[in-house]
Amino acid sequence: HDGSVNALAWAPHEYGAVLACASSDGTFSTITYDAASAQWVVEKVPHAHAIGCTGVSWAPSAMPGSLVSAGGGGDHAVSPQRLCTSGCDNAIKVWRRDAGQWTCEAT
């Protein structure tokens, strides 16, 4: 990051070792541990917020209601990675990761 890191949060364990970071430079990043290479991989999302990114929080990994069923449980699908960010621009944004890319779903 080119500015201070203001917040960070670990992803739900179903996604593996993934850390999200919010920065004063307006970006957020994810840092993912790749066990195959024993390396941490950084993915930076530029211009997430116009002035600065102040917070980050992960959504739950399971869809609401998927952990309980009339049949007594069972497998549940892990939903796509989602997180929200807050910024000095008075905005809260919901982000979704699909096909290796973070896109803003809602502001």
PDB file of N, CA and C in Angstrom:
ATOM      1  N   HIS A   1       0.837  -1.190   0.000  1.00  0.00           N
ATOM      2  CA  HIS A   1       0.000   0.000   0.000  1.00  0.00           C
ATOM      3  C   HIS A   1       0.874   1.243   0.000  1.00  0.00           C
ATOM      4  N   ASP A   2       0.292   2.326  -0.509  1.00  0.00           N
ATOM      5  CA  ASP A   2       1.005   3.596  -0.544  1.00  0.00           C
ATOM      6  C   ASP A   2       0.595   4.511   0.603  1.00  0.00           C
ATOM      7  N   GLY A   3      -0.323   4.073   1.426  1.00  0.00           N
ATOM      8  CA  GLY A   3      -0.772   4.820   2.593  1.00  0.00           C
ATOM      9  C   GLY A   3      -0.877   3.875   3.778  1.00  0.00           C
ATOM     10  N   SER A   4      -1.309   4.410   4.901  1.00  0.00           N
ATOM     11  CA  SER A   4      -1.421   3.574   6.099  1.00  0.00           C
ATOM     12  C   SER A   4      -2.477   2.486   5.900  1.00  0.00           C
ATOM     13  N   VAL A   5      -2.294   1.377   6.577  1.00  0.00           N
ATOM     14  CA  VAL A   5      -3.293   0.315   6.596  1.00  0.00           C
ATOM     15  C   VAL A   5      -4.180   0.580   7.810  1.00  0.00           C
ATOM     16  N   ASN A   6      -5.475   0.780   7.550  1.00  0.00           N
ATOM     17  CA  ASN A   6      -6.406   1.205   8.590  1.00  0.00           C
ATOM     18  C   ASN A   6      -7.181   0.063   9.234  1.00  0.00           C
ATOM     19  N   ALA A   7      -7.360  -1.025   8.514  1.00  0.00           N
ATOM     20  CA  ALA A   7      -8.134  -2.150   9.046  1.00  0.00           C
ATOM     21  C   ALA A   7      -7.737  -3.420   8.315  1.00  0.00           C
ATOM     22  N   LEU A   8      -7.907  -4.535   8.999  1.00  0.00           N
ATOM     23  CA  LEU A   8      -7.709  -5.837   8.363  1.00  0.00           C
ATOM     24  C   LEU A   8      -8.622  -6.862   9.010  1.00  0.00           C
ATOM     25  N   ALA A   9      -8.918  -7.907   8.238  1.00  0.00           N
ATOM     26  CA  ALA A   9      -9.821  -8.949   8.719  1.00  0.00           C
ATOM     27  C   ALA A   9      -9.504 -10.269   8.030  1.00  0.00           C
ATOM     28  N   TRP A  10      -9.497 -11.343   8.829  1.00  0.00           N
ATOM     29  CA  TRP A  10      -9.320 -12.683   8.277  1.00  0.00           C
ATOM     30  C   TRP A  10     -10.632 -13.141   7.657  1.00  0.00           C
ATOM     31  N   ALA A  11     -10.549 -13.853   6.539  1.00  0.00           N
ATOM     32  CA  ALA A  11     -11.723 -14.422   5.874  1.00  0.00           C
ATOM     33  C   ALA A  11     -12.247 -15.610   6.673  1.00  0.00           C
ATOM     34  N   PRO A  12     -13.520 -15.986   6.445  1.00  0.00           N
ATOM     35  CA  PRO A  12     -14.019 -17.228   7.038  1.00  0.00           C
ATOM     36  C   PRO A  12     -13.108 -18.399   6.659  1.00  0.00           C
ATOM     37  N   HIS A  13     -12.956 -19.339   7.565  1.00  0.00           N
ATOM     38  CA  HIS A  13     -11.965 -20.412   7.363  1.00  0.00           C
ATOM     39  C   HIS A  13     -12.220 -21.254   6.115  1.00  0.00           C
ATOM     40  N   GLU A  14     -13.449 -21.284   5.620  1.00  0.00           N
ATOM     41  CA  GLU A  14     -13.753 -22.068   4.418  1.00  0.00           C
ATOM     42  C   GLU A  14     -12.990 -21.563   3.197  1.00  0.00           C
ATOM     43  N   TYR A  15     -12.556 -20.311   3.209  1.00  0.00           N
ATOM     44  CA  TYR A  15     -11.812 -19.747   2.086  1.00  0.00           C
ATOM     45  C   TYR A  15     -10.315 -19.961   2.204  1.00  0.00           C
ATOM     46  N   GLY A  16      -9.858 -20.522   3.303  1.00  0.00           N
ATOM     47  CA  GLY A  16      -8.433 -20.721   3.514  1.00  0.00           C
ATOM     48  C   GLY A  16      -7.832 -19.517   4.217  1.00  0.00           C
ATOM     49  N   ALA A  17      -6.531 -19.423   4.210  1.00  0.00           N
ATOM     50  CA  ALA A  17      -5.827 -18.331   4.880  1.00  0.00           C
ATOM     51  C   ALA A  17      -5.830 -17.106   3.966  1.00  0.00           C
ATOM     52  N   VAL A  18      -6.809 -16.228   4.185  1.00  0.00           N
ATOM     53  CA  VAL A  18      -6.956 -15.017   3.372  1.00  0.00           C
ATOM     54  C   VAL A  18      -7.172 -13.839   4.315  1.00  0.00           C
ATOM     55  N   LEU A  19      -6.408 -12.792   4.116  1.00  0.00           N
ATOM     56  CA  LEU A  19      -6.489 -11.586   4.921  1.00  0.00           C
ATOM     57  C   LEU A  19      -6.860 -10.419   4.009  1.00  0.00           C
ATOM     58  N   ALA A  20      -7.838  -9.608   4.421  1.00  0.00           N
ATOM     59  CA  ALA A  20      -8.206  -8.406   3.666  1.00  0.00           C
ATOM     60  C   ALA A  20      -7.692  -7.185   4.419  1.00  0.00           C
ATOM     61  N   CYS A  21      -7.198  -6.193   3.677  1.00  0.00           N
ATOM     62  CA  CYS A  21      -6.615  -4.982   4.261  1.00  0.00           C
ATOM     63  C   CYS A  21      -7.225  -3.753   3.596  1.00  0.00           C
ATOM     64  N   ALA A  22      -7.551  -2.734   4.406  1.00  0.00           N
ATOM     65  CA  ALA A  22      -8.071  -1.460   3.914  1.00  0.00           C
ATOM     66  C   ALA A  22      -7.008  -0.393   4.128  1.00  0.00           C
ATOM     67  N   SER A  23      -6.788   0.456   3.124  1.00  0.00           N
ATOM     68  CA  SER A  23      -5.685   1.418   3.195  1.00  0.00           C
ATOM     69  C   SER A  23      -6.128   2.855   2.913  1.00  0.00           C
ATOM     70  N   SER A  24      -5.398   3.808   3.493  1.00  0.00           N
ATOM     71  CA  SER A  24      -5.641   5.233   3.270  1.00  0.00           C
ATOM     72  C   SER A  24      -5.400   5.646   1.828  1.00  0.00           C
ATOM     73  N   ASP A  25      -4.711   4.826   1.048  1.00  0.00           N
ATOM     74  CA  ASP A  25      -4.478   5.165  -0.362  1.00  0.00           C
ATOM     75  C   ASP A  25      -5.708   4.893  -1.239  1.00  0.00           C
ATOM     76  N   GLY A  26      -6.818   4.464  -0.630  1.00  0.00           N
ATOM     77  CA  GLY A  26      -8.059   4.220  -1.372  1.00  0.00           C
ATOM     78  C   GLY A  26      -8.205   2.810  -1.883  1.00  0.00           C
ATOM     79  N   THR A  27      -7.246   1.958  -1.621  1.00  0.00           N
ATOM     80  CA  THR A  27      -7.291   0.579  -2.099  1.00  0.00           C
ATOM     81  C   THR A  27      -7.652  -0.372  -0.972  1.00  0.00           C
ATOM     82  N   PHE A  28      -8.084  -1.561  -1.365  1.00  0.00           N
ATOM     83  CA  PHE A  28      -8.074  -2.679  -0.429  1.00  0.00           C
ATOM     84  C   PHE A  28      -7.327  -3.806  -1.106  1.00  0.00           C
ATOM     85  N   SER A  29      -6.799  -4.696  -0.312  1.00  0.00           N
ATOM     86  CA  SER A  29      -6.059  -5.818  -0.871  1.00  0.00           C
ATOM     87  C   SER A  29      -6.436  -7.085  -0.126  1.00  0.00           C
ATOM     88  N   THR A  30      -6.199  -8.209  -0.794  1.00  0.00           N
ATOM     89  CA  THR A  30      -6.307  -9.506  -0.132  1.00  0.00           C
ATOM     90  C   THR A  30      -4.948 -10.176  -0.230  1.00  0.00           C
ATOM     91  N   ILE A  31      -4.603 -10.855   0.828  1.00  0.00           N
ATOM     92  CA  ILE A  31      -3.344 -11.596   0.893  1.00  0.00           C
ATOM     93  C   ILE A  31      -3.716 -13.046   1.158  1.00  0.00           C
ATOM     94  N   THR A  32      -3.420 -13.920   0.200  1.00  0.00           N
ATOM     95  CA  THR A  32      -3.845 -15.319   0.253  1.00  0.00           C
ATOM     96  C   THR A  32      -2.626 -16.224   0.317  1.00  0.00           C
ATOM     97  N   TYR A  33      -2.657 -17.190   1.236  1.00  0.00           N
ATOM     98  CA  TYR A  33      -1.557 -18.140   1.330  1.00  0.00           C
ATOM     99  C   TYR A  33      -1.760 -19.249   0.313  1.00  0.00           C
ATOM    100  N   ASP A  34      -0.767 -19.437  -0.547  1.00  0.00           N
ATOM    101  CA  ASP A  34      -0.775 -20.508  -1.549  1.00  0.00           C
ATOM    102  C   ASP A  34       0.099 -21.645  -1.025  1.00  0.00           C
ATOM    103  N   ALA A  35      -0.536 -22.705  -0.566  1.00  0.00           N
ATOM    104  CA  ALA A  35       0.193 -23.819   0.041  1.00  0.00           C
ATOM    105  C   ALA A  35       1.107 -24.520  -0.959  1.00  0.00           C
ATOM    106  N   ALA A  36       0.724 -24.540  -2.231  1.00  0.00           N
ATOM    107  CA  ALA A  36       1.528 -25.225  -3.246  1.00  0.00           C
ATOM    108  C   ALA A  36       2.908 -24.582  -3.397  1.00  0.00           C
ATOM    109  N   SER A  37       2.959 -23.262  -3.329  1.00  0.00           N
ATOM    110  CA  SER A  37       4.237 -22.558  -3.483  1.00  0.00           C
ATOM    111  C   SER A  37       4.804 -22.076  -2.152  1.00  0.00           C
ATOM    112  N   ALA A  38       4.034 -22.250  -1.073  1.00  0.00           N
ATOM    113  CA  ALA A  38       4.418 -21.768   0.259  1.00  0.00           C
ATOM    114  C   ALA A  38       4.703 -20.260   0.236  1.00  0.00           C
ATOM    115  N   GLN A  39       3.869 -19.534  -0.529  1.00  0.00           N
ATOM    116  CA  GLN A  39       4.015 -18.081  -0.680  1.00  0.00           C
ATOM    117  C   GLN A  39       2.690 -17.393  -0.359  1.00  0.00           C
ATOM    118  N   TRP A  40       2.787 -16.134   0.062  1.00  0.00           N
ATOM    119  CA  TRP A  40       1.615 -15.284   0.222  1.00  0.00           C
ATOM    120  C   TRP A  40       1.441 -14.492  -1.078  1.00  0.00           C
ATOM    121  N   VAL A  41       0.232 -14.512  -1.635  1.00  0.00           N
ATOM    122  CA  VAL A  41      -0.079 -13.847  -2.897  1.00  0.00           C
ATOM    123  C   VAL A  41      -0.936 -12.616  -2.597  1.00  0.00           C
ATOM    124  N   VAL A  42      -0.489 -11.456  -3.081  1.00  0.00           N
ATOM    125  CA  VAL A  42      -1.184 -10.195  -2.835  1.00  0.00           C
ATOM    126  C   VAL A  42      -1.995  -9.808  -4.068  1.00  0.00           C
ATOM    127  N   GLU A  43      -3.248  -9.470  -3.839  1.00  0.00           N
ATOM    128  CA  GLU A  43      -4.118  -8.959  -4.903  1.00  0.00           C
ATOM    129  C   GLU A  43      -4.644  -7.603  -4.434  1.00  0.00           C
ATOM    130  N   LYS A  44      -4.302  -6.567  -5.171  1.00  0.00           N
ATOM    131  CA  LYS A  44      -4.654  -5.204  -4.783  1.00  0.00           C
ATOM    132  C   LYS A  44      -5.772  -4.685  -5.682  1.00  0.00           C
ATOM    133  N   VAL A  45      -6.790  -4.068  -5.073  1.00  0.00           N
ATOM    134  CA  VAL A  45      -7.903  -3.475  -5.817  1.00  0.00           C
ATOM    135  C   VAL A  45      -7.763  -1.956  -5.729  1.00  0.00           C
ATOM    136  N   PRO A  46      -7.276  -1.325  -6.798  1.00  0.00           N
ATOM    137  CA  PRO A  46      -7.056   0.121  -6.764  1.00  0.00           C
ATOM    138  C   PRO A  46      -8.369   0.896  -6.843  1.00  0.00           C
ATOM    139  N   HIS A  47      -8.360   2.099  -6.317  1.00  0.00           N
ATOM    140  CA  HIS A  47      -9.489   3.025  -6.416  1.00  0.00           C
ATOM    141  C   HIS A  47     -10.786   2.448  -5.859  1.00  0.00           C
ATOM    142  N   ALA A  48     -10.691   1.659  -4.802  1.00  0.00           N
ATOM    143  CA  ALA A  48     -11.896   1.131  -4.165  1.00  0.00           C
ATOM    144  C   ALA A  48     -12.711   2.272  -3.562  1.00  0.00           C
ATOM    145  N   HIS A  49     -12.019   3.279  -3.038  1.00  0.00           N
ATOM    146  CA  HIS A  49     -12.656   4.480  -2.498  1.00  0.00           C
ATOM    147  C   HIS A  49     -11.858   5.688  -2.951  1.00  0.00           C
ATOM    148  N   ALA A  50     -12.565   6.796  -3.212  1.00  0.00           N
ATOM    149  CA  ALA A  50     -11.937   7.986  -3.778  1.00  0.00           C
ATOM    150  C   ALA A  50     -10.935   8.641  -2.831  1.00  0.00           C
ATOM    151  N   ILE A  51     -11.224   8.659  -1.543  1.00  0.00           N
ATOM    152  CA  ILE A  51     -10.368   9.392  -0.609  1.00  0.00           C
ATOM    153  C   ILE A  51      -9.491   8.450   0.213  1.00  0.00           C
ATOM    154  N   GLY A  52     -10.059   7.430   0.762  1.00  0.00           N
ATOM    155  CA  GLY A  52      -9.307   6.479   1.573  1.00  0.00           C
ATOM    156  C   GLY A  52     -10.231   5.375   2.030  1.00  0.00           C
ATOM    157  N   CYS A  53      -9.702   4.210   2.216  1.00  0.00           N
ATOM    158  CA  CYS A  53     -10.468   3.048   2.662  1.00  0.00           C
ATOM    159  C   CYS A  53     -10.219   2.881   4.161  1.00  0.00           C
ATOM    160  N   THR A  54     -11.294   2.919   4.957  1.00  0.00           N
ATOM    161  CA  THR A  54     -11.141   2.932   6.411  1.00  0.00           C
ATOM    162  C   THR A  54     -11.475   1.613   7.098  1.00  0.00           C
ATOM    163  N   GLY A  55     -12.226   0.742   6.424  1.00  0.00           N
ATOM    164  CA  GLY A  55     -12.620  -0.499   7.073  1.00  0.00           C
ATOM    165  C   GLY A  55     -12.884  -1.602   6.076  1.00  0.00           C
ATOM    166  N   VAL A  56     -12.841  -2.832   6.584  1.00  0.00           N
ATOM    167  CA  VAL A  56     -13.108  -4.002   5.747  1.00  0.00           C
ATOM    168  C   VAL A  56     -13.694  -5.108   6.630  1.00  0.00           C
ATOM    169  N   SER A  57     -14.677  -5.834   6.092  1.00  0.00           N
ATOM    170  CA  SER A  57     -15.301  -6.925   6.839  1.00  0.00           C
ATOM    171  C   SER A  57     -15.797  -7.981   5.859  1.00  0.00           C
ATOM    172  N   TRP A  58     -15.577  -9.244   6.191  1.00  0.00           N
ATOM    173  CA  TRP A  58     -15.981 -10.364   5.342  1.00  0.00           C
ATOM    174  C   TRP A  58     -17.432 -10.742   5.589  1.00  0.00           C
ATOM    175  N   ALA A  59     -18.112 -11.179   4.540  1.00  0.00           N
ATOM    176  CA  ALA A  59     -19.440 -11.773   4.661  1.00  0.00           C
ATOM    177  C   ALA A  59     -19.272 -13.238   5.080  1.00  0.00           C
ATOM    178  N   PRO A  60     -20.303 -13.822   5.683  1.00  0.00           N
ATOM    179  CA  PRO A  60     -20.225 -15.250   6.013  1.00  0.00           C
ATOM    180  C   PRO A  60     -20.020 -16.090   4.746  1.00  0.00           C
ATOM    181  N   SER A  61     -19.427 -17.262   4.911  1.00  0.00           N
ATOM    182  CA  SER A  61     -19.129 -18.115   3.754  1.00  0.00           C
ATOM    183  C   SER A  61     -20.324 -18.931   3.289  1.00  0.00           C
ATOM    184  N   ALA A  62     -21.295 -19.130   4.152  1.00  0.00           N
ATOM    185  CA  ALA A  62     -22.466 -19.937   3.805  1.00  0.00           C
ATOM    186  C   ALA A  62     -23.674 -19.033   3.607  1.00  0.00           C
ATOM    187  N   MET A  63     -24.521 -19.390   2.664  1.00  0.00           N
ATOM    188  CA  MET A  63     -25.739 -18.634   2.419  1.00  0.00           C
ATOM    189  C   MET A  63     -26.689 -18.800   3.602  1.00  0.00           C
ATOM    190  N   PRO A  64     -27.473 -17.775   3.927  1.00  0.00           N
ATOM    191  CA  PRO A  64     -28.422 -17.893   5.041  1.00  0.00           C
ATOM    192  C   PRO A  64     -29.349 -19.083   4.857  1.00  0.00           C
ATOM    193  N   GLY A  65     -29.520 -19.862   5.920  1.00  0.00           N
ATOM    194  CA  GLY A  65     -30.401 -21.017   5.896  1.00  0.00           C
ATOM    195  C   GLY A  65     -29.787 -22.284   5.335  1.00  0.00           C
ATOM    196  N   SER A  66     -28.575 -22.206   4.783  1.00  0.00           N
ATOM    197  CA  SER A  66     -27.989 -23.388   4.141  1.00  0.00           C
ATOM    198  C   SER A  66     -27.423 -24.388   5.146  1.00  0.00           C
ATOM    199  N   LEU A  67     -27.233 -23.971   6.389  1.00  0.00           N
ATOM    200  CA  LEU A  67     -26.655 -24.876   7.380  1.00  0.00           C
ATOM    201  C   LEU A  67     -27.703 -25.708   8.112  1.00  0.00           C
ATOM    202  N   VAL A  68     -28.961 -25.362   7.932  1.00  0.00           N
ATOM    203  CA  VAL A  68     -30.040 -26.113   8.558  1.00  0.00           C
ATOM    204  C   VAL A  68     -31.025 -26.533   7.484  1.00  0.00           C
ATOM    205  N   SER A  69     -31.589 -27.719   7.651  1.00  0.00           N
ATOM    206  CA  SER A  69     -32.607 -28.185   6.721  1.00  0.00           C
ATOM    207  C   SER A  69     -33.511 -29.161   7.437  1.00  0.00           C
ATOM    208  N   ALA A  70     -34.682 -29.390   6.874  1.00  0.00           N
ATOM    209  CA  ALA A  70     -35.638 -30.317   7.473  1.00  0.00           C
ATOM    210  C   ALA A  70     -35.097 -31.735   7.486  1.00  0.00           C
ATOM    211  N   GLY A  71     -34.165 -32.039   6.587  1.00  0.00           N
ATOM    212  CA  GLY A  71     -33.611 -33.383   6.490  1.00  0.00           C
ATOM    213  C   GLY A  71     -32.502 -33.672   7.477  1.00  0.00           C
ATOM    214  N   GLY A  72     -32.161 -32.733   8.330  1.00  0.00           N
ATOM    215  CA  GLY A  72     -31.160 -32.995   9.355  1.00  0.00           C
ATOM    216  C   GLY A  72     -29.745 -32.624   8.974  1.00  0.00           C
ATOM    217  N   GLY A  73     -29.571 -31.583   8.201  1.00  0.00           N
ATOM    218  CA  GLY A  73     -28.214 -31.123   7.886  1.00  0.00           C
ATOM    219  C   GLY A  73     -27.713 -31.677   6.578  1.00  0.00           C
ATOM    220  N   GLY A  74     -26.408 -31.755   6.473  1.00  0.00           N
ATOM    221  CA  GLY A  74     -25.794 -32.230   5.243  1.00  0.00           C
ATOM    222  C   GLY A  74     -24.793 -31.227   4.728  1.00  0.00           C
ATOM    223  N   ASP A  75     -24.381 -31.424   3.486  1.00  0.00           N
ATOM    224  CA  ASP A  75     -23.387 -30.537   2.889  1.00  0.00           C
ATOM    225  C   ASP A  75     -24.003 -29.176   2.593  1.00  0.00           C
ATOM    226  N   HIS A  76     -23.197 -28.150   2.744  1.00  0.00           N
ATOM    227  CA  HIS A  76     -23.637 -26.815   2.346  1.00  0.00           C
ATOM    228  C   HIS A  76     -22.612 -26.240   1.381  1.00  0.00           C
ATOM    229  N   ALA A  77     -23.141 -25.475   0.451  1.00  0.00           N
ATOM    230  CA  ALA A  77     -22.262 -24.866  -0.547  1.00  0.00           C
ATOM    231  C   ALA A  77     -21.615 -23.620   0.036  1.00  0.00           C
ATOM    232  N   VAL A  78     -20.362 -23.401  -0.308  1.00  0.00           N
ATOM    233  CA  VAL A  78     -19.661 -22.185   0.093  1.00  0.00           C
ATOM    234  C   VAL A  78     -19.976 -21.126  -0.948  1.00  0.00           C
ATOM    235  N   SER A  79     -20.508 -20.008  -0.497  1.00  0.00           N
ATOM    236  CA  SER A  79     -20.864 -18.932  -1.422  1.00  0.00           C
ATOM    237  C   SER A  79     -19.608 -18.207  -1.903  1.00  0.00           C
ATOM    238  N   PRO A  80     -19.727 -17.437  -2.974  1.00  0.00           N
ATOM    239  CA  PRO A  80     -18.555 -16.688  -3.467  1.00  0.00           C
ATOM    240  C   PRO A  80     -18.019 -15.744  -2.393  1.00  0.00           C
ATOM    241  N   GLN A  81     -16.738 -15.436  -2.484  1.00  0.00           N
ATOM    242  CA  GLN A  81     -16.140 -14.510  -1.526  1.00  0.00           C
ATOM    243  C   GLN A  81     -16.791 -13.140  -1.667  1.00  0.00           C
ATOM    244  N   ARG A  82     -17.207 -12.590  -0.528  1.00  0.00           N
ATOM    245  CA  ARG A  82     -17.771 -11.246  -0.487  1.00  0.00           C
ATOM    246  C   ARG A  82     -17.184 -10.524   0.713  1.00  0.00           C
ATOM    247  N   LEU A  83     -16.979  -9.226   0.538  1.00  0.00           N
ATOM    248  CA  LEU A  83     -16.592  -8.387   1.671  1.00  0.00           C
ATOM    249  C   LEU A  83     -17.141  -6.992   1.444  1.00  0.00           C
ATOM    250  N   CYS A  84     -17.168  -6.211   2.508  1.00  0.00           N
ATOM    251  CA  CYS A  84     -17.584  -4.820   2.367  1.00  0.00           C
ATOM    252  C   CYS A  84     -16.448  -3.931   2.849  1.00  0.00           C
ATOM    253  N   THR A  85     -16.381  -2.737   2.245  1.00  0.00           N
ATOM    254  CA  THR A  85     -15.383  -1.755   2.623  1.00  0.00           C
ATOM    255  C   THR A  85     -16.095  -0.445   2.941  1.00  0.00           C
ATOM    256  N   SER A  86     -15.471   0.342   3.796  1.00  0.00           N
ATOM    257  CA  SER A  86     -15.969   1.682   4.090  1.00  0.00           C
ATOM    258  C   SER A  86     -14.859   2.668   3.755  1.00  0.00           C
ATOM    259  N   GLY A  87     -15.265   3.913   3.475  1.00  0.00           N
ATOM    260  CA  GLY A  87     -14.254   4.883   3.086  1.00  0.00           C
ATOM    261  C   GLY A  87     -14.537   6.286   3.581  1.00  0.00           C
ATOM    262  N   CYS A  88     -13.530   7.149   3.466  1.00  0.00           N
ATOM    263  CA  CYS A  88     -13.651   8.560   3.817  1.00  0.00           C
ATOM    264  C   CYS A  88     -14.545   9.307   2.836  1.00  0.00           C
ATOM    265  N   ASP A  89     -14.961   8.651   1.763  1.00  0.00           N
ATOM    266  CA  ASP A  89     -15.868   9.234   0.782  1.00  0.00           C
ATOM    267  C   ASP A  89     -17.326   9.041   1.173  1.00  0.00           C
ATOM    268  N   ASN A  90     -17.572   8.635   2.433  1.00  0.00           N
ATOM    269  CA  ASN A  90     -18.925   8.412   2.971  1.00  0.00           C
ATOM    270  C   ASN A  90     -19.653   7.271   2.262  1.00  0.00           C
ATOM    271  N   ALA A  91     -18.910   6.311   1.756  1.00  0.00           N
ATOM    272  CA  ALA A  91     -19.507   5.189   1.032  1.00  0.00           C
ATOM    273  C   ALA A  91     -19.156   3.866   1.701  1.00  0.00           C
ATOM    274  N   ILE A  92     -20.100   2.960   1.610  1.00  0.00           N
ATOM    275  CA  ILE A  92     -19.876   1.554   1.970  1.00  0.00           C
ATOM    276  C   ILE A  92     -20.114   0.763   0.696  1.00  0.00           C
ATOM    277  N   LYS A  93     -19.176  -0.113   0.358  1.00  0.00           N
ATOM    278  CA  LYS A  93     -19.282  -0.882  -0.879  1.00  0.00           C
ATOM    279  C   LYS A  93     -19.234  -2.370  -0.571  1.00  0.00           C
ATOM    280  N   VAL A  94     -20.045  -3.133  -1.304  1.00  0.00           N
ATOM    281  CA  VAL A  94     -20.054  -4.593  -1.206  1.00  0.00           C
ATOM    282  C   VAL A  94     -19.323  -5.124  -2.440  1.00  0.00           C
ATOM    283  N   TRP A  95     -18.320  -5.967  -2.190  1.00  0.00           N
ATOM    284  CA  TRP A  95     -17.476  -6.521  -3.249  1.00  0.00           C
ATOM    285  C   TRP A  95     -17.671  -8.027  -3.331  1.00  0.00           C
ATOM    286  N   ARG A  96     -17.604  -8.560  -4.557  1.00  0.00           N
ATOM    287  CA  ARG A  96     -17.730 -10.005  -4.793  1.00  0.00           C
ATOM    288  C   ARG A  96     -16.581 -10.447  -5.687  1.00  0.00           C
ATOM    289  N   ARG A  97     -16.011 -11.605  -5.350  1.00  0.00           N
ATOM    290  CA  ARG A  97     -14.906 -12.151  -6.152  1.00  0.00           C
ATOM    291  C   ARG A  97     -15.433 -13.284  -7.023  1.00  0.00           C
ATOM    292  N   ASP A  98     -15.372 -13.074  -8.320  1.00  0.00           N
ATOM    293  CA  ASP A  98     -15.781 -14.076  -9.308  1.00  0.00           C
ATOM    294  C   ASP A  98     -14.690 -14.198 -10.356  1.00  0.00           C
ATOM    295  N   ALA A  99     -14.380 -15.410 -10.734  1.00  0.00           N
ATOM    296  CA  ALA A  99     -13.389 -15.675 -11.787  1.00  0.00           C
ATOM    297  C   ALA A  99     -12.091 -14.920 -11.527  1.00  0.00           C
ATOM    298  N   GLY A 100     -11.673 -14.852 -10.255  1.00  0.00           N
ATOM    299  CA  GLY A 100     -10.412 -14.244  -9.918  1.00  0.00           C
ATOM    300  C   GLY A 100     -10.398 -12.726  -9.897  1.00  0.00           C
ATOM    301  N   GLN A 101     -11.555 -12.074 -10.021  1.00  0.00           N
ATOM    302  CA  GLN A 101     -11.634 -10.613 -10.043  1.00  0.00           C
ATOM    303  C   GLN A 101     -12.596 -10.119  -8.979  1.00  0.00           C
ATOM    304  N   TRP A 102     -12.234  -9.028  -8.299  1.00  0.00           N
ATOM    305  CA  TRP A 102     -13.128  -8.359  -7.364  1.00  0.00           C
ATOM    306  C   TRP A 102     -13.942  -7.318  -8.139  1.00  0.00           C
ATOM    307  N   THR A 103     -15.278  -7.351  -7.972  1.00  0.00           N
ATOM    308  CA  THR A 103     -16.156  -6.349  -8.581  1.00  0.00           C
ATOM    309  C   THR A 103     -17.078  -5.796  -7.518  1.00  0.00           C
ATOM    310  N   CYS A 104     -17.413  -4.527  -7.662  1.00  0.00           N
ATOM    311  CA  CYS A 104     -18.306  -3.861  -6.713  1.00  0.00           C
ATOM    312  C   CYS A 104     -19.742  -4.246  -7.065  1.00  0.00           C
ATOM    313  N   GLU A 105     -20.440  -4.874  -6.102  1.00  0.00           N
ATOM    314  CA  GLU A 105     -21.837  -5.283  -6.301  1.00  0.00           C
ATOM    315  C   GLU A 105     -22.812  -4.186  -5.912  1.00  0.00           C
ATOM    316  N   ALA A 106     -22.477  -3.422  -4.894  1.00  0.00           N
ATOM    317  CA  ALA A 106     -23.406  -2.414  -4.394  1.00  0.00           C
ATOM    318  C   ALA A 106     -22.630  -1.305  -3.691  1.00  0.00           C
ATOM    319  N   THR A 107     -23.206  -0.103  -3.732  1.00  0.00           N
ATOM    320  CA  THR A 107     -22.641   1.046  -3.030  1.00  0.00           C
ATOM    321  C   THR A 107     -23.710   1.652  -2.155  1.00  0.00           C
TER     322      THR A 107
END
